[in-house]
Amino acid sequence: MAVELETGLPSVRQIQGLIRDGKEVEFKLVTGDLLAGKIRWQDTDCIALVDQYDQITIVWRQAIVYLKPRL
């Protein structure tokens, strides 16, 4: 059985807003790596991040320490 993305959750709504507005974000991963770019899509397990070279990186949600908009 497929698990649906819970669109009522504040975190899901905030990420959808970042996608809609095309804002750049920064992810810090549990490995200490920093990733920056625009979020293309999200699902229940992953978030797709597009960098400045239009390369897509799929990031597992469980690997994210934090996500914040870039200034």
N, C-alpha and C. Protein backbone atom coordinates (compact mmCIF):
# COMPACT_ATOMS: atom_id res chain seq x y z
N MET A 1 0.83 -1.18 0.00
CA MET A 1 0.00 0.00 0.00
C MET A 1 0.88 1.25 0.00
N ALA A 2 0.59 2.19 -0.89
CA ALA A 2 1.37 3.41 -1.00
C ALA A 2 1.04 4.38 0.13
N VAL A 3 2.07 5.03 0.64
CA VAL A 3 1.89 6.04 1.68
C VAL A 3 1.79 7.40 0.99
N GLU A 4 0.77 8.16 1.34
CA GLU A 4 0.54 9.47 0.74
C GLU A 4 1.32 10.54 1.50
N LEU A 5 1.74 11.58 0.79
CA LEU A 5 2.38 12.73 1.40
C LEU A 5 1.32 13.49 2.20
N GLU A 6 1.57 13.74 3.46
CA GLU A 6 0.59 14.41 4.32
C GLU A 6 0.68 15.91 4.12
N THR A 7 -0.12 16.44 3.20
CA THR A 7 -0.06 17.85 2.83
C THR A 7 -0.54 18.78 3.93
N GLY A 8 -1.13 18.25 4.99
CA GLY A 8 -1.56 19.08 6.10
C GLY A 8 -0.44 19.40 7.09
N LEU A 9 0.68 18.71 6.99
CA LEU A 9 1.79 18.95 7.91
C LEU A 9 2.48 20.28 7.58
N PRO A 10 2.83 21.06 8.60
CA PRO A 10 3.49 22.35 8.34
C PRO A 10 4.79 22.22 7.55
N SER A 11 5.58 21.19 7.82
CA SER A 11 6.85 21.04 7.10
C SER A 11 6.61 20.77 5.62
N VAL A 12 5.62 19.98 5.29
CA VAL A 12 5.30 19.69 3.89
C VAL A 12 4.80 20.95 3.21
N ARG A 13 3.93 21.70 3.89
CA ARG A 13 3.42 22.95 3.31
C ARG A 13 4.54 23.96 3.09
N GLN A 14 5.48 24.05 4.03
CA GLN A 14 6.58 25.00 3.90
C GLN A 14 7.45 24.62 2.70
N ILE A 15 7.75 23.36 2.54
CA ILE A 15 8.56 22.92 1.40
C ILE A 15 7.82 23.17 0.10
N GLN A 16 6.50 22.93 0.07
CA GLN A 16 5.71 23.22 -1.13
C GLN A 16 5.79 24.70 -1.47
N GLY A 17 5.77 25.56 -0.45
CA GLY A 17 5.90 27.00 -0.67
C GLY A 17 7.25 27.36 -1.27
N LEU A 18 8.31 26.71 -0.79
CA LEU A 18 9.65 26.96 -1.34
C LEU A 18 9.73 26.52 -2.79
N ILE A 19 9.07 25.40 -3.11
CA ILE A 19 9.04 24.92 -4.50
C ILE A 19 8.27 25.94 -5.36
N ARG A 20 7.10 26.33 -4.91
CA ARG A 20 6.24 27.25 -5.66
C ARG A 20 6.94 28.60 -5.91
N ASP A 21 7.64 29.11 -4.87
CA ASP A 21 8.29 30.42 -4.98
C ASP A 21 9.65 30.36 -5.67
N GLY A 22 10.17 29.14 -5.89
CA GLY A 22 11.46 29.00 -6.55
C GLY A 22 12.63 29.52 -5.73
N LYS A 23 12.50 29.46 -4.41
CA LYS A 23 13.55 29.97 -3.52
C LYS A 23 14.71 28.99 -3.42
N GLU A 24 15.91 29.54 -3.29
CA GLU A 24 17.08 28.70 -3.05
C GLU A 24 17.11 28.30 -1.59
N VAL A 25 17.54 27.07 -1.35
CA VAL A 25 17.61 26.55 0.01
C VAL A 25 18.99 25.94 0.25
N GLU A 26 19.26 25.70 1.51
CA GLU A 26 20.49 25.02 1.92
C GLU A 26 20.09 23.85 2.79
N PHE A 27 20.64 22.68 2.48
CA PHE A 27 20.45 21.49 3.30
C PHE A 27 21.75 21.20 4.02
N LYS A 28 21.68 20.87 5.29
CA LYS A 28 22.83 20.30 5.98
C LYS A 28 22.48 18.84 6.20
N LEU A 29 23.40 17.96 5.84
CA LEU A 29 23.17 16.53 5.96
C LEU A 29 23.85 15.96 7.21
N VAL A 30 23.46 14.78 7.61
CA VAL A 30 24.04 14.14 8.79
C VAL A 30 25.53 13.89 8.61
N THR A 31 25.99 13.86 7.37
CA THR A 31 27.42 13.68 7.08
C THR A 31 28.21 14.97 7.28
N GLY A 32 27.49 16.09 7.48
CA GLY A 32 28.14 17.39 7.61
C GLY A 32 28.20 18.15 6.30
N ASP A 33 27.84 17.50 5.18
CA ASP A 33 27.84 18.16 3.88
C ASP A 33 26.75 19.22 3.81
N LEU A 34 27.02 20.29 3.06
CA LEU A 34 26.03 21.31 2.78
C LEU A 34 25.68 21.23 1.30
N LEU A 35 24.39 21.24 1.00
CA LEU A 35 23.92 21.25 -0.37
C LEU A 35 23.07 22.50 -0.56
N ALA A 36 23.18 23.13 -1.72
CA ALA A 36 22.39 24.33 -2.00
C ALA A 36 21.76 24.21 -3.38
N GLY A 37 20.58 24.77 -3.50
CA GLY A 37 19.88 24.78 -4.78
C GLY A 37 18.41 25.04 -4.58
N LYS A 38 17.63 24.69 -5.59
CA LYS A 38 16.18 24.85 -5.53
C LYS A 38 15.53 23.47 -5.46
N ILE A 39 14.50 23.37 -4.66
CA ILE A 39 13.80 22.10 -4.53
C ILE A 39 12.90 21.92 -5.75
N ARG A 40 13.01 20.78 -6.41
CA ARG A 40 12.20 20.49 -7.59
C ARG A 40 10.91 19.78 -7.20
N TRP A 41 11.03 18.77 -6.30
CA TRP A 41 9.85 18.02 -5.84
C TRP A 41 10.17 17.34 -4.53
N GLN A 42 9.11 16.84 -3.89
CA GLN A 42 9.27 16.06 -2.66
C GLN A 42 8.28 14.90 -2.70
N ASP A 43 8.65 13.83 -2.04
CA ASP A 43 7.71 12.73 -1.81
C ASP A 43 7.88 12.30 -0.37
N THR A 44 7.31 11.18 0.01
CA THR A 44 7.34 10.76 1.41
C THR A 44 8.74 10.42 1.90
N ASP A 45 9.66 10.06 1.00
CA ASP A 45 10.99 9.63 1.41
C ASP A 45 12.11 10.59 1.01
N CYS A 46 11.93 11.31 -0.09
CA CYS A 46 13.04 12.07 -0.68
C CYS A 46 12.63 13.48 -1.07
N ILE A 47 13.66 14.31 -1.26
CA ILE A 47 13.50 15.66 -1.81
C ILE A 47 14.52 15.79 -2.93
N ALA A 48 14.07 16.32 -4.08
CA ALA A 48 14.98 16.53 -5.22
C ALA A 48 15.47 17.97 -5.19
N LEU A 49 16.78 18.13 -5.22
CA LEU A 49 17.42 19.44 -5.18
C LEU A 49 18.16 19.66 -6.50
N VAL A 50 17.91 20.81 -7.13
CA VAL A 50 18.56 21.16 -8.39
C VAL A 50 19.60 22.23 -8.10
N ASP A 51 20.86 21.97 -8.46
CA ASP A 51 21.93 22.94 -8.17
C ASP A 51 22.06 23.96 -9.29
N GLN A 52 23.06 24.82 -9.18
CA GLN A 52 23.27 25.90 -10.15
C GLN A 52 23.64 25.39 -11.54
N TYR A 53 24.02 24.13 -11.65
CA TYR A 53 24.38 23.54 -12.94
C TYR A 53 23.24 22.68 -13.50
N ASP A 54 22.05 22.81 -12.91
CA ASP A 54 20.85 22.04 -13.28
C ASP A 54 21.03 20.54 -13.05
N GLN A 55 21.91 20.17 -12.15
CA GLN A 55 22.08 18.77 -11.78
C GLN A 55 21.16 18.46 -10.61
N ILE A 56 20.41 17.38 -10.73
CA ILE A 56 19.47 16.98 -9.68
C ILE A 56 20.14 16.02 -8.70
N THR A 57 19.98 16.31 -7.43
CA THR A 57 20.44 15.42 -6.36
C THR A 57 19.21 14.99 -5.57
N ILE A 58 19.05 13.69 -5.41
CA ILE A 58 17.95 13.15 -4.60
C ILE A 58 18.48 12.97 -3.19
N VAL A 59 17.82 13.61 -2.23
CA VAL A 59 18.25 13.57 -0.83
C VAL A 59 17.18 12.84 -0.02
N TRP A 60 17.61 11.82 0.69
CA TRP A 60 16.69 11.11 1.58
C TRP A 60 16.38 12.00 2.76
N ARG A 61 15.11 12.10 3.11
CA ARG A 61 14.68 12.96 4.23
C ARG A 61 15.42 12.61 5.52
N GLN A 62 15.66 11.34 5.77
CA GLN A 62 16.32 10.92 7.01
C GLN A 62 17.77 11.37 7.08
N ALA A 63 18.34 11.82 5.95
CA ALA A 63 19.73 12.29 5.93
C ALA A 63 19.84 13.79 6.21
N ILE A 64 18.70 14.48 6.32
CA ILE A 64 18.71 15.93 6.47
C ILE A 64 18.73 16.31 7.95
N VAL A 65 19.70 17.16 8.31
CA VAL A 65 19.76 17.72 9.67
C VAL A 65 18.87 18.96 9.70
N TYR A 66 19.06 19.84 8.71
CA TYR A 66 18.17 21.00 8.59
C TYR A 66 18.09 21.45 7.15
N LEU A 67 17.03 22.23 6.89
CA LEU A 67 16.80 22.83 5.58
C LEU A 67 16.41 24.28 5.88
N LYS A 68 17.06 25.24 5.19
CA LYS A 68 16.68 26.62 5.41
C LYS A 68 16.80 27.39 4.10
N PRO A 69 15.95 28.43 3.94
CA PRO A 69 16.06 29.28 2.75
C PRO A 69 17.39 30.03 2.77
N ARG A 70 17.97 30.23 1.60
CA ARG A 70 19.21 31.02 1.52
C ARG A 70 18.85 32.48 1.38
N LEU A 71 19.67 33.32 1.94
CA LEU A 71 19.43 34.77 1.88
C LEU A 71 19.99 35.38 0.62
